[in-house]
């Protein structure tokens, strides 16, 4: 894949829509507004149409709203521009610290195979300890932010030992491609696209450094008013996840067509994805709390938070 095609592919999966109708419209109408990115279970559910059919049977339609990454999605969720969405581990922590009106409603547990720290193939950076003094690019308040900090901790370094460069995925891809940053911390499918560049080398995968769970979240007011709808959405997404686990070739094709990235790169991303949607358990809460404590210790969130205060209990199968 050429550098031009690399950037084109990243831009195709990185551009999203941030607009959405007002919260008052959400509660007054019969439309469930769902925020998604062009990857994962939610996007597959959108393409398969089974979630829409399940909600249609309840007299509800679906409004799909696209985002490029987690923090802006959660801002829309807080404002009530959307009712439901999915992000990685870190955005909800920053949102909770800011007093956002949201709840965790389900989890997608993952070992961390779908994220990594990338460097140029000829970079002198050979191990995590070599990050000292380097420019590391990642999206602020994202799962890549947490991975970067955890990687530094593993190497015996601190956040002050690097120069963090806050970049949205598409901007990070451009900066990495032209050598404006030394390291790029990123998740799939951006990771898979970059990995197929002959000039890219994987410094370290998240696996072995930190678990990287993803979450399904919903507007708190909407959830309290419509718990049956949230439970139905979770249940249908769990079915989609089960299908995805058993049909990875089909998943790769669907996502490749959506993003425009080559099928072989998308297959690599799909093969290392854990497709599962489950109720949030204590181990997942504990991991989130560790991340929250890490961010607070560094002064990245202004005060301590208790993750379990915004957990909504979903009884799968009920």
C-alpha atoms as a PDB file:
ATOM      1  CA  UNK A   1       0.000   0.000   0.000  1.00  0.00           C
ATOM      2  CA  UNK A   2       1.456   3.405  -0.958  1.00  0.00           C
ATOM      3  CA  UNK A   3       1.748   6.257   1.541  1.00  0.00           C
ATOM      4  CA  UNK A   4      -1.001   8.092  -0.363  1.00  0.00           C
ATOM      5  CA  UNK A   5      -3.309   5.071  -0.174  1.00  0.00           C
ATOM      6  CA  UNK A   6      -2.428   4.661   3.513  1.00  0.00           C
ATOM      7  CA  UNK A   7      -3.552   8.195   4.307  1.00  0.00           C
ATOM      8  CA  UNK A   8      -6.635   7.852   2.117  1.00  0.00           C
ATOM      9  CA  UNK A   9      -7.632   4.681   3.944  1.00  0.00           C
ATOM     10  CA  UNK A  10      -7.140   6.261   7.361  1.00  0.00           C
ATOM     11  CA  UNK A  11      -9.121   9.334   6.384  1.00  0.00           C
ATOM     12  CA  UNK A  12     -11.935   7.130   5.093  1.00  0.00           C
ATOM     13  CA  UNK A  13     -12.292   5.411   8.459  1.00  0.00           C
ATOM     14  CA  UNK A  14     -11.580   8.561  10.459  1.00  0.00           C
ATOM     15  CA  UNK A  15     -14.128  11.038   9.155  1.00  0.00           C
ATOM     16  CA  UNK A  16     -17.402  11.079  11.012  1.00  0.00           C
ATOM     17  CA  UNK A  17     -20.490  13.160  11.637  1.00  0.00           C
ATOM     18  CA  UNK A  18     -20.891  14.897  14.983  1.00  0.00           C
ATOM     19  CA  UNK A  19     -24.326  16.407  14.554  1.00  0.00           C
ATOM     20  CA  UNK A  20     -27.487  15.010  16.079  1.00  0.00           C
ATOM     21  CA  UNK A  21     -31.001  16.042  17.098  1.00  0.00           C
ATOM     22  CA  UNK A  22     -31.727  17.503  20.510  1.00  0.00           C
ATOM     23  CA  UNK A  23     -32.315  15.528  23.701  1.00  0.00           C
ATOM     24  CA  UNK A  24     -35.909  16.746  23.898  1.00  0.00           C
ATOM     25  CA  UNK A  25     -36.552  15.289  20.462  1.00  0.00           C
ATOM     26  CA  UNK A  26     -34.992  12.006  21.600  1.00  0.00           C
ATOM     27  CA  UNK A  27     -37.403  11.474  24.459  1.00  0.00           C
ATOM     28  CA  UNK A  28     -40.416  12.887  22.640  1.00  0.00           C
ATOM     29  CA  UNK A  29     -39.973  10.792  19.500  1.00  0.00           C
ATOM     30  CA  UNK A  30     -39.837   7.090  18.789  1.00  0.00           C
ATOM     31  CA  UNK A  31     -36.310   7.109  17.464  1.00  0.00           C
ATOM     32  CA  UNK A  32     -33.297   5.525  19.137  1.00  0.00           C
ATOM     33  CA  UNK A  33     -30.159   7.445  18.191  1.00  0.00           C
ATOM     34  CA  UNK A  34     -27.040   5.290  18.157  1.00  0.00           C
ATOM     35  CA  UNK A  35     -23.486   6.587  17.822  1.00  0.00           C
ATOM     36  CA  UNK A  36     -21.066   4.287  16.027  1.00  0.00           C
ATOM     37  CA  UNK A  37     -17.643   4.113  14.434  1.00  0.00           C
ATOM     38  CA  UNK A  38     -16.804   2.184  11.275  1.00  0.00           C
ATOM     39  CA  UNK A  39     -15.666  -0.879  13.166  1.00  0.00           C
ATOM     40  CA  UNK A  40     -16.837  -3.357  15.741  1.00  0.00           C
ATOM     41  CA  UNK A  41     -20.129  -4.862  16.777  1.00  0.00           C
ATOM     42  CA  UNK A  42     -22.259  -1.734  16.457  1.00  0.00           C
ATOM     43  CA  UNK A  43     -21.267  -1.166  12.852  1.00  0.00           C
ATOM     44  CA  UNK A  44     -21.914  -4.827  12.030  1.00  0.00           C
ATOM     45  CA  UNK A  45     -25.337  -4.530  13.647  1.00  0.00           C
ATOM     46  CA  UNK A  46     -26.022  -1.496  11.471  1.00  0.00           C
ATOM     47  CA  UNK A  47     -25.088  -3.374   8.326  1.00  0.00           C
ATOM     48  CA  UNK A  48     -27.000  -6.543   9.202  1.00  0.00           C
ATOM     49  CA  UNK A  49     -30.189  -4.667  10.069  1.00  0.00           C
ATOM     50  CA  UNK A  50     -31.334  -7.093  12.758  1.00  0.00           C
ATOM     51  CA  UNK A  51     -31.187  -4.510  15.551  1.00  0.00           C
ATOM     52  CA  UNK A  52     -33.419  -2.223  13.527  1.00  0.00           C
ATOM     53  CA  UNK A  53     -35.884  -5.050  12.972  1.00  0.00           C
ATOM     54  CA  UNK A  54     -36.003  -5.819  16.692  1.00  0.00           C
ATOM     55  CA  UNK A  55     -36.654  -2.170  17.546  1.00  0.00           C
ATOM     56  CA  UNK A  56     -39.174  -1.805  14.732  1.00  0.00           C
ATOM     57  CA  UNK A  57     -41.212  -4.547  16.379  1.00  0.00           C
ATOM     58  CA  UNK A  58     -41.424  -2.213  19.403  1.00  0.00           C
ATOM     59  CA  UNK A  59     -42.540   0.717  17.258  1.00  0.00           C
ATOM     60  CA  UNK A  60     -39.083   2.316  17.225  1.00  0.00           C
ATOM     61  CA  UNK A  61     -36.809   3.430  14.412  1.00  0.00           C
ATOM     62  CA  UNK A  62     -33.017   3.879  14.544  1.00  0.00           C
ATOM     63  CA  UNK A  63     -30.982   6.971  13.734  1.00  0.00           C
ATOM     64  CA  UNK A  64     -27.339   6.076  13.124  1.00  0.00           C
ATOM     65  CA  UNK A  65     -24.790   8.830  13.843  1.00  0.00           C
ATOM     66  CA  UNK A  66     -21.160   8.316  12.820  1.00  0.00           C
ATOM     67  CA  UNK A  67     -18.109   9.404  14.856  1.00  0.00           C
ATOM     68  CA  UNK A  68     -14.372   9.118  14.249  1.00  0.00           C
ATOM     69  CA  UNK A  69     -13.420   8.213  17.849  1.00  0.00           C
ATOM     70  CA  UNK A  70     -14.696   8.016  21.414  1.00  0.00           C
ATOM     71  CA  UNK A  71     -14.466  11.437  23.124  1.00  0.00           C
ATOM     72  CA  UNK A  72     -16.758  13.328  20.707  1.00  0.00           C
ATOM     73  CA  UNK A  73     -19.192  10.408  20.776  1.00  0.00           C
ATOM     74  CA  UNK A  74     -19.439  10.645  24.558  1.00  0.00           C
ATOM     75  CA  UNK A  75     -19.925  14.400  24.402  1.00  0.00           C
ATOM     76  CA  UNK A  76     -22.912  13.806  22.129  1.00  0.00           C
ATOM     77  CA  UNK A  77     -24.128  11.135  24.535  1.00  0.00           C
ATOM     78  CA  UNK A  78     -23.841  13.548  27.447  1.00  0.00           C
ATOM     79  CA  UNK A  79     -25.810  16.215  25.572  1.00  0.00           C
ATOM     80  CA  UNK A  80     -28.496  13.730  24.557  1.00  0.00           C
ATOM     81  CA  UNK A  81     -27.721  14.115  20.850  1.00  0.00           C
ATOM     82  CA  UNK A  82     -27.463  10.329  20.854  1.00  0.00           C
ATOM     83  CA  UNK A  83     -28.914   7.760  23.242  1.00  0.00           C
ATOM     84  CA  UNK A  84     -26.419   4.890  22.951  1.00  0.00           C
ATOM     85  CA  UNK A  85     -22.882   4.343  21.704  1.00  0.00           C
ATOM     86  CA  UNK A  86     -19.577   2.544  22.141  1.00  0.00           C
ATOM     87  CA  UNK A  87     -16.022   3.619  23.009  1.00  0.00           C
ATOM     88  CA  UNK A  88     -12.769   2.275  24.354  1.00  0.00           C
ATOM     89  CA  UNK A  89     -11.761   2.277  27.999  1.00  0.00           C
ATOM     90  CA  UNK A  90     -10.526   5.831  28.632  1.00  0.00           C
ATOM     91  CA  UNK A  91     -13.152   8.210  27.184  1.00  0.00           C
ATOM     92  CA  UNK A  92     -15.812   7.267  29.779  1.00  0.00           C
ATOM     93  CA  UNK A  93     -13.365   8.042  32.592  1.00  0.00           C
ATOM     94  CA  UNK A  94     -12.752  11.578  31.362  1.00  0.00           C
ATOM     95  CA  UNK A  95     -16.483  11.978  30.724  1.00  0.00           C
ATOM     96  CA  UNK A  96     -17.388  10.832  34.243  1.00  0.00           C
ATOM     97  CA  UNK A  97     -14.804  13.170  35.738  1.00  0.00           C
ATOM     98  CA  UNK A  98     -16.478  16.009  33.835  1.00  0.00           C
ATOM     99  CA  UNK A  99     -19.885  15.036  35.235  1.00  0.00           C
ATOM    100  CA  UNK A 100     -21.288  13.593  32.032  1.00  0.00           C
ATOM    101  CA  UNK A 101     -24.851  12.266  32.077  1.00  0.00           C
ATOM    102  CA  UNK A 102     -24.091   8.693  31.050  1.00  0.00           C
ATOM    103  CA  UNK A 103     -23.961   5.074  32.212  1.00  0.00           C
ATOM    104  CA  UNK A 104     -21.925   2.000  31.335  1.00  0.00           C
ATOM    105  CA  UNK A 105     -24.495  -0.552  30.107  1.00  0.00           C
ATOM    106  CA  UNK A 106     -22.419  -3.440  28.669  1.00  0.00           C
ATOM    107  CA  UNK A 107     -18.810  -4.458  28.017  1.00  0.00           C
ATOM    108  CA  UNK A 108     -16.656  -5.952  25.305  1.00  0.00           C
ATOM    109  CA  UNK A 109     -13.777  -7.560  27.150  1.00  0.00           C
ATOM    110  CA  UNK A 110     -10.486  -7.737  25.249  1.00  0.00           C
ATOM    111  CA  UNK A 111      -6.906  -8.740  25.950  1.00  0.00           C
ATOM    112  CA  UNK A 112      -5.419  -5.821  24.016  1.00  0.00           C
ATOM    113  CA  UNK A 113      -4.313  -7.371  20.722  1.00  0.00           C
ATOM    114  CA  UNK A 114      -5.935  -4.622  18.658  1.00  0.00           C
ATOM    115  CA  UNK A 115      -3.749  -1.681  19.751  1.00  0.00           C
ATOM    116  CA  UNK A 116      -0.036  -0.952  19.600  1.00  0.00           C
ATOM    117  CA  UNK A 117       2.788   1.558  19.733  1.00  0.00           C
ATOM    118  CA  UNK A 118       4.198   1.989  16.227  1.00  0.00           C
ATOM    119  CA  UNK A 119       7.528   3.378  15.061  1.00  0.00           C
ATOM    120  CA  UNK A 120       9.248   3.807  11.715  1.00  0.00           C
ATOM    121  CA  UNK A 121      11.053   0.682  10.552  1.00  0.00           C
ATOM    122  CA  UNK A 122      14.451   2.398  10.721  1.00  0.00           C
ATOM    123  CA  UNK A 123      13.739   4.160  14.031  1.00  0.00           C
ATOM    124  CA  UNK A 124      16.432   3.878  16.714  1.00  0.00           C
ATOM    125  CA  UNK A 125      13.642   3.112  19.201  1.00  0.00           C
ATOM    126  CA  UNK A 126      13.962  -0.620  19.855  1.00  0.00           C
ATOM    127  CA  UNK A 127      12.363  -1.042  23.277  1.00  0.00           C
ATOM    128  CA  UNK A 128       9.943   0.786  25.527  1.00  0.00           C
ATOM    129  CA  UNK A 129      12.781   2.273  27.564  1.00  0.00           C
ATOM    130  CA  UNK A 130      13.831   4.156  24.417  1.00  0.00           C
ATOM    131  CA  UNK A 131      10.652   6.246  24.570  1.00  0.00           C
ATOM    132  CA  UNK A 132      12.383   8.688  26.896  1.00  0.00           C
ATOM    133  CA  UNK A 133      12.612  12.116  25.292  1.00  0.00           C
ATOM    134  CA  UNK A 134      10.499  11.134  22.286  1.00  0.00           C
ATOM    135  CA  UNK A 135       7.382  12.631  20.732  1.00  0.00           C
ATOM    136  CA  UNK A 136       4.504  10.187  21.144  1.00  0.00           C
ATOM    137  CA  UNK A 137       1.272  10.843  19.277  1.00  0.00           C
ATOM    138  CA  UNK A 138      -2.141   9.600  20.387  1.00  0.00           C
ATOM    139  CA  UNK A 139      -5.713  10.762  20.830  1.00  0.00           C
ATOM    140  CA  UNK A 140      -6.227  12.563  24.126  1.00  0.00           C
ATOM    141  CA  UNK A 141      -8.616  10.834  26.552  1.00  0.00           C
ATOM    142  CA  UNK A 142      -8.648   7.701  24.381  1.00  0.00           C
ATOM    143  CA  UNK A 143      -7.629   4.103  24.975  1.00  0.00           C
ATOM    144  CA  UNK A 144      -4.346   4.971  23.227  1.00  0.00           C
ATOM    145  CA  UNK A 145      -3.719   7.571  25.935  1.00  0.00           C
ATOM    146  CA  UNK A 146      -4.004   4.899  28.614  1.00  0.00           C
ATOM    147  CA  UNK A 147      -1.859   2.440  26.648  1.00  0.00           C
ATOM    148  CA  UNK A 148       0.879   5.045  26.274  1.00  0.00           C
ATOM    149  CA  UNK A 149       0.966   5.699  30.019  1.00  0.00           C
ATOM    150  CA  UNK A 150       0.888   1.978  30.867  1.00  0.00           C
ATOM    151  CA  UNK A 151       3.749   1.323  28.431  1.00  0.00           C
ATOM    152  CA  UNK A 152       5.818   4.037  30.113  1.00  0.00           C
ATOM    153  CA  UNK A 153       5.094   2.512  33.517  1.00  0.00           C
ATOM    154  CA  UNK A 154       6.217  -0.897  32.279  1.00  0.00           C
ATOM    155  CA  UNK A 155       9.488   0.634  31.104  1.00  0.00           C
ATOM    156  CA  UNK A 156      10.056   2.419  34.409  1.00  0.00           C
ATOM    157  CA  UNK A 157       9.428   5.810  32.809  1.00  0.00           C
ATOM    158  CA  UNK A 158       6.969   8.566  33.630  1.00  0.00           C
ATOM    159  CA  UNK A 159       4.588  10.667  31.573  1.00  0.00           C
ATOM    160  CA  UNK A 160       7.008  13.541  31.992  1.00  0.00           C
ATOM    161  CA  UNK A 161       9.681  11.539  30.159  1.00  0.00           C
ATOM    162  CA  UNK A 162       7.937  11.970  26.802  1.00  0.00           C
ATOM    163  CA  UNK A 163       6.446  14.802  24.792  1.00  0.00           C
ATOM    164  CA  UNK A 164       2.790  13.846  24.298  1.00  0.00           C
ATOM    165  CA  UNK A 165       1.287  15.012  21.019  1.00  0.00           C
ATOM    166  CA  UNK A 166      -2.497  14.919  21.068  1.00  0.00           C
ATOM    167  CA  UNK A 167      -3.813  13.922  17.648  1.00  0.00           C
ATOM    168  CA  UNK A 168      -7.082  12.508  16.356  1.00  0.00           C
ATOM    169  CA  UNK A 169      -6.544   9.254  14.406  1.00  0.00           C
ATOM    170  CA  UNK A 170      -6.453  10.793  10.928  1.00  0.00           C
ATOM    171  CA  UNK A 171      -4.085  13.554  12.069  1.00  0.00           C
ATOM    172  CA  UNK A 172      -1.945  10.991  13.856  1.00  0.00           C
ATOM    173  CA  UNK A 173      -1.667   8.948  10.666  1.00  0.00           C
ATOM    174  CA  UNK A 174      -0.493  11.984   8.724  1.00  0.00           C
ATOM    175  CA  UNK A 175       2.016  13.001  11.399  1.00  0.00           C
ATOM    176  CA  UNK A 176       3.374   9.468  11.632  1.00  0.00           C
ATOM    177  CA  UNK A 177       3.666   9.097   7.857  1.00  0.00           C
ATOM    178  CA  UNK A 178       5.777  12.243   7.515  1.00  0.00           C
ATOM    179  CA  UNK A 179       7.896  11.586  10.623  1.00  0.00           C
ATOM    180  CA  UNK A 180       6.529  14.479  12.694  1.00  0.00           C
ATOM    181  CA  UNK A 181       6.162  12.151  15.687  1.00  0.00           C
ATOM    182  CA  UNK A 182       8.520   9.400  16.812  1.00  0.00           C
ATOM    183  CA  UNK A 183       5.837   6.985  18.018  1.00  0.00           C
ATOM    184  CA  UNK A 184       2.157   6.580  17.240  1.00  0.00           C
ATOM    185  CA  UNK A 185      -0.114   4.782  19.698  1.00  0.00           C
ATOM    186  CA  UNK A 186      -3.226   3.636  17.883  1.00  0.00           C
ATOM    187  CA  UNK A 187      -5.977   1.032  17.698  1.00  0.00           C
ATOM    188  CA  UNK A 188      -7.516  -1.050  14.928  1.00  0.00           C
ATOM    189  CA  UNK A 189      -8.368  -0.660  12.128  1.00  0.00           C
ATOM    190  CA  UNK A 190      -5.949   2.317  11.926  1.00  0.00           C
ATOM    191  CA  UNK A 191      -3.288   0.063  13.447  1.00  0.00           C
ATOM    192  CA  UNK A 192      -3.802  -2.622  10.801  1.00  0.00           C
ATOM    193  CA  UNK A 193      -3.626  -0.080   7.964  1.00  0.00           C
ATOM    194  CA  UNK A 194      -0.364   1.356   9.278  1.00  0.00           C
ATOM    195  CA  UNK A 195       1.061  -2.094  10.003  1.00  0.00           C
ATOM    196  CA  UNK A 196       0.852  -2.997   6.315  1.00  0.00           C
ATOM    197  CA  UNK A 197       3.187  -0.146   5.440  1.00  0.00           C
ATOM    198  CA  UNK A 198       6.700  -1.516   4.787  1.00  0.00           C
ATOM    199  CA  UNK A 199       8.095   1.512   6.620  1.00  0.00           C
ATOM    200  CA  UNK A 200       6.235   0.702   9.861  1.00  0.00           C
ATOM    201  CA  UNK A 201       7.392  -1.453  12.776  1.00  0.00           C
ATOM    202  CA  UNK A 202       5.402  -2.536  15.836  1.00  0.00           C
ATOM    203  CA  UNK A 203       7.272  -1.482  18.950  1.00  0.00           C
ATOM    204  CA  UNK A 204       4.837  -3.116  21.363  1.00  0.00           C
ATOM    205  CA  UNK A 205       1.305  -4.461  21.373  1.00  0.00           C
ATOM    206  CA  UNK A 206      -1.096  -3.548  24.159  1.00  0.00           C
ATOM    207  CA  UNK A 207      -1.403  -7.233  25.005  1.00  0.00           C
ATOM    208  CA  UNK A 208       0.980  -7.887  27.846  1.00  0.00           C
ATOM    209  CA  UNK A 209       0.943  -4.223  28.875  1.00  0.00           C
ATOM    210  CA  UNK A 210      -2.705  -3.538  29.669  1.00  0.00           C
ATOM    211  CA  UNK A 211      -6.122  -5.020  28.996  1.00  0.00           C
ATOM    212  CA  UNK A 212      -8.192  -2.873  26.690  1.00  0.00           C
ATOM    213  CA  UNK A 213     -11.877  -3.409  27.248  1.00  0.00           C
ATOM    214  CA  UNK A 214     -14.448  -1.497  25.238  1.00  0.00           C
ATOM    215  CA  UNK A 215     -17.822  -0.364  26.478  1.00  0.00           C
ATOM    216  CA  UNK A 216     -21.358   0.279  25.421  1.00  0.00           C
ATOM    217  CA  UNK A 217     -22.723   3.380  27.112  1.00  0.00           C
ATOM    218  CA  UNK A 218     -26.039   5.175  27.172  1.00  0.00           C
ATOM    219  CA  UNK A 219     -27.384   8.546  28.214  1.00  0.00           C
ATOM    220  CA  UNK A 220     -28.331   8.237  31.884  1.00  0.00           C
ATOM    221  CA  UNK A 221     -31.680  10.020  31.631  1.00  0.00           C
ATOM    222  CA  UNK A 222     -32.664   7.993  28.583  1.00  0.00           C
ATOM    223  CA  UNK A 223     -31.627   4.718  30.235  1.00  0.00           C
ATOM    224  CA  UNK A 224     -33.576   5.400  33.405  1.00  0.00           C
ATOM    225  CA  UNK A 225     -36.659   6.234  31.334  1.00  0.00           C
ATOM    226  CA  UNK A 226     -36.213   3.332  28.882  1.00  0.00           C
ATOM    227  CA  UNK A 227     -34.388   0.404  30.542  1.00  0.00           C
ATOM    228  CA  UNK A 228     -36.251  -2.103  28.376  1.00  0.00           C
ATOM    229  CA  UNK A 229     -34.941  -0.459  25.202  1.00  0.00           C
ATOM    230  CA  UNK A 230     -31.345  -0.486  26.449  1.00  0.00           C
ATOM    231  CA  UNK A 231     -31.686  -4.154  27.428  1.00  0.00           C
ATOM    232  CA  UNK A 232     -33.102  -4.967  23.994  1.00  0.00           C
ATOM    233  CA  UNK A 233     -30.254  -3.180  22.213  1.00  0.00           C
ATOM    234  CA  UNK A 234     -27.691  -5.024  24.368  1.00  0.00           C
ATOM    235  CA  UNK A 235     -29.358  -8.366  23.684  1.00  0.00           C
ATOM    236  CA  UNK A 236     -29.367  -7.823  19.928  1.00  0.00           C
ATOM    237  CA  UNK A 237     -25.729  -6.683  19.948  1.00  0.00           C
ATOM    238  CA  UNK A 238     -24.777  -9.825  21.881  1.00  0.00           C
ATOM    239  CA  UNK A 239     -26.335 -11.848  19.055  1.00  0.00           C
ATOM    240  CA  UNK A 240     -24.376  -9.854  16.486  1.00  0.00           C
ATOM    241  CA  UNK A 241     -21.158 -10.448  18.441  1.00  0.00           C
ATOM    242  CA  UNK A 242     -21.799 -14.185  18.508  1.00  0.00           C
ATOM    243  CA  UNK A 243     -22.368 -14.164  14.750  1.00  0.00           C
ATOM    244  CA  UNK A 244     -19.158 -12.175  14.222  1.00  0.00           C
ATOM    245  CA  UNK A 245     -17.098 -14.660  16.247  1.00  0.00           C
ATOM    246  CA  UNK A 246     -18.268 -17.439  13.933  1.00  0.00           C
ATOM    247  CA  UNK A 247     -18.105 -15.522  10.633  1.00  0.00           C
ATOM    248  CA  UNK A 248     -14.852 -13.587  10.633  1.00  0.00           C
ATOM    249  CA  UNK A 249     -14.368 -13.714   6.859  1.00  0.00           C
ATOM    250  CA  UNK A 250     -17.764 -12.110   6.343  1.00  0.00           C
ATOM    251  CA  UNK A 251     -16.961  -9.541   9.014  1.00  0.00           C
ATOM    252  CA  UNK A 252     -13.698  -8.657   7.272  1.00  0.00           C
ATOM    253  CA  UNK A 253     -15.489  -8.173   3.958  1.00  0.00           C
ATOM    254  CA  UNK A 254     -18.204  -5.959   5.476  1.00  0.00           C
ATOM    255  CA  UNK A 255     -15.703  -3.757   7.286  1.00  0.00           C
ATOM    256  CA  UNK A 256     -13.308  -3.564   4.321  1.00  0.00           C
ATOM    257  CA  UNK A 257     -16.131  -2.346   2.103  1.00  0.00           C
ATOM    258  CA  UNK A 258     -17.126   0.204   4.753  1.00  0.00           C
ATOM    259  CA  UNK A 259     -13.681   1.642   5.370  1.00  0.00           C
ATOM    260  CA  UNK A 260     -12.039   1.221   2.000  1.00  0.00           C
ATOM    261  CA  UNK A 261      -8.976  -0.395   3.537  1.00  0.00           C
ATOM    262  CA  UNK A 262      -7.534  -3.480   1.829  1.00  0.00           C
ATOM    263  CA  UNK A 263      -9.145  -6.771   2.737  1.00  0.00           C
ATOM    264  CA  UNK A 264      -5.892  -8.315   3.982  1.00  0.00           C
ATOM    265  CA  UNK A 265      -5.350  -5.454   6.443  1.00  0.00           C
ATOM    266  CA  UNK A 266      -8.964  -5.602   7.574  1.00  0.00           C
ATOM    267  CA  UNK A 267      -8.706  -9.375   8.035  1.00  0.00           C
ATOM    268  CA  UNK A 268      -5.714  -8.871  10.313  1.00  0.00           C
ATOM    269  CA  UNK A 269      -7.730  -6.421  12.401  1.00  0.00           C
ATOM    270  CA  UNK A 270     -10.766  -8.720  12.506  1.00  0.00           C
ATOM    271  CA  UNK A 271      -8.779 -11.807  13.455  1.00  0.00           C
ATOM    272  CA  UNK A 272      -7.418 -10.141  16.601  1.00  0.00           C
ATOM    273  CA  UNK A 273     -10.758  -8.680  17.697  1.00  0.00           C
ATOM    274  CA  UNK A 274     -12.670 -10.244  20.599  1.00  0.00           C
ATOM    275  CA  UNK A 275     -16.333 -10.134  19.589  1.00  0.00           C
ATOM    276  CA  UNK A 276     -18.400 -10.316  22.744  1.00  0.00           C
ATOM    277  CA  UNK A 277     -21.081  -8.220  24.451  1.00  0.00           C
ATOM    278  CA  UNK A 278     -21.664  -9.037  28.106  1.00  0.00           C
ATOM    279  CA  UNK A 279     -22.897  -7.450  31.347  1.00  0.00           C
ATOM    280  CA  UNK A 280     -20.229  -5.511  33.201  1.00  0.00           C
ATOM    281  CA  UNK A 281     -18.551  -7.617  35.885  1.00  0.00           C
ATOM    282  CA  UNK A 282     -16.409  -6.720  38.885  1.00  0.00           C
ATOM    283  CA  UNK A 283     -13.135  -7.537  37.119  1.00  0.00           C
ATOM    284  CA  UNK A 284     -13.975  -5.088  34.352  1.00  0.00           C
ATOM    285  CA  UNK A 285     -14.968  -2.410  36.873  1.00  0.00           C
ATOM    286  CA  UNK A 286     -11.711  -2.973  38.758  1.00  0.00           C
ATOM    287  CA  UNK A 287      -9.677  -2.517  35.573  1.00  0.00           C
ATOM    288  CA  UNK A 288     -11.544   0.695  34.769  1.00  0.00           C
ATOM    289  CA  UNK A 289     -10.907   1.941  38.289  1.00  0.00           C
ATOM    290  CA  UNK A 290      -7.174   1.311  37.872  1.00  0.00           C
ATOM    291  CA  UNK A 291      -7.207   3.423  34.717  1.00  0.00           C
ATOM    292  CA  UNK A 292      -9.148   6.181  36.450  1.00  0.00           C
ATOM    293  CA  UNK A 293      -6.702   6.186  39.359  1.00  0.00           C
ATOM    294  CA  UNK A 294      -3.794   6.320  36.903  1.00  0.00           C
ATOM    295  CA  UNK A 295      -5.205   9.386  35.159  1.00  0.00           C
ATOM    296  CA  UNK A 296      -5.963  11.111  38.452  1.00  0.00           C
ATOM    297  CA  UNK A 297      -2.470  10.462  39.823  1.00  0.00           C
ATOM    298  CA  UNK A 298      -1.061  12.241  36.761  1.00  0.00           C
ATOM    299  CA  UNK A 299      -3.463  15.150  37.113  1.00  0.00           C
ATOM    300  CA  UNK A 300      -5.174  14.314  33.830  1.00  0.00           C
ATOM    301  CA  UNK A 301      -8.571  14.250  35.520  1.00  0.00           C
ATOM    302  CA  UNK A 302      -9.250  16.855  38.221  1.00  0.00           C
ATOM    303  CA  UNK A 303     -10.553  14.645  41.013  1.00  0.00           C
ATOM    304  CA  UNK A 304     -10.928  10.959  41.931  1.00  0.00           C
ATOM    305  CA  UNK A 305     -13.940   9.100  40.535  1.00  0.00           C
ATOM    306  CA  UNK A 306     -15.675   5.846  41.424  1.00  0.00           C
ATOM    307  CA  UNK A 307     -16.438   3.922  38.264  1.00  0.00           C
ATOM    308  CA  UNK A 308     -19.033   1.712  39.952  1.00  0.00           C
ATOM    309  CA  UNK A 309     -21.236   4.768  40.546  1.00  0.00           C
ATOM    310  CA  UNK A 310     -22.252   4.864  36.878  1.00  0.00           C
ATOM    311  CA  UNK A 311     -22.709   1.152  36.175  1.00  0.00           C
ATOM    312  CA  UNK A 312     -26.141   0.077  34.930  1.00  0.00           C
ATOM    313  CA  UNK A 313     -26.963  -3.571  35.619  1.00  0.00           C
ATOM    314  CA  UNK A 314     -28.021  -5.524  32.553  1.00  0.00           C
ATOM    315  CA  UNK A 315     -29.245  -9.047  33.193  1.00  0.00           C
ATOM    316  CA  UNK A 316     -28.386 -10.795  29.953  1.00  0.00           C
ATOM    317  CA  UNK A 317     -31.099 -13.141  28.769  1.00  0.00           C
ATOM    318  CA  UNK A 318     -33.846 -11.438  30.739  1.00  0.00           C
END
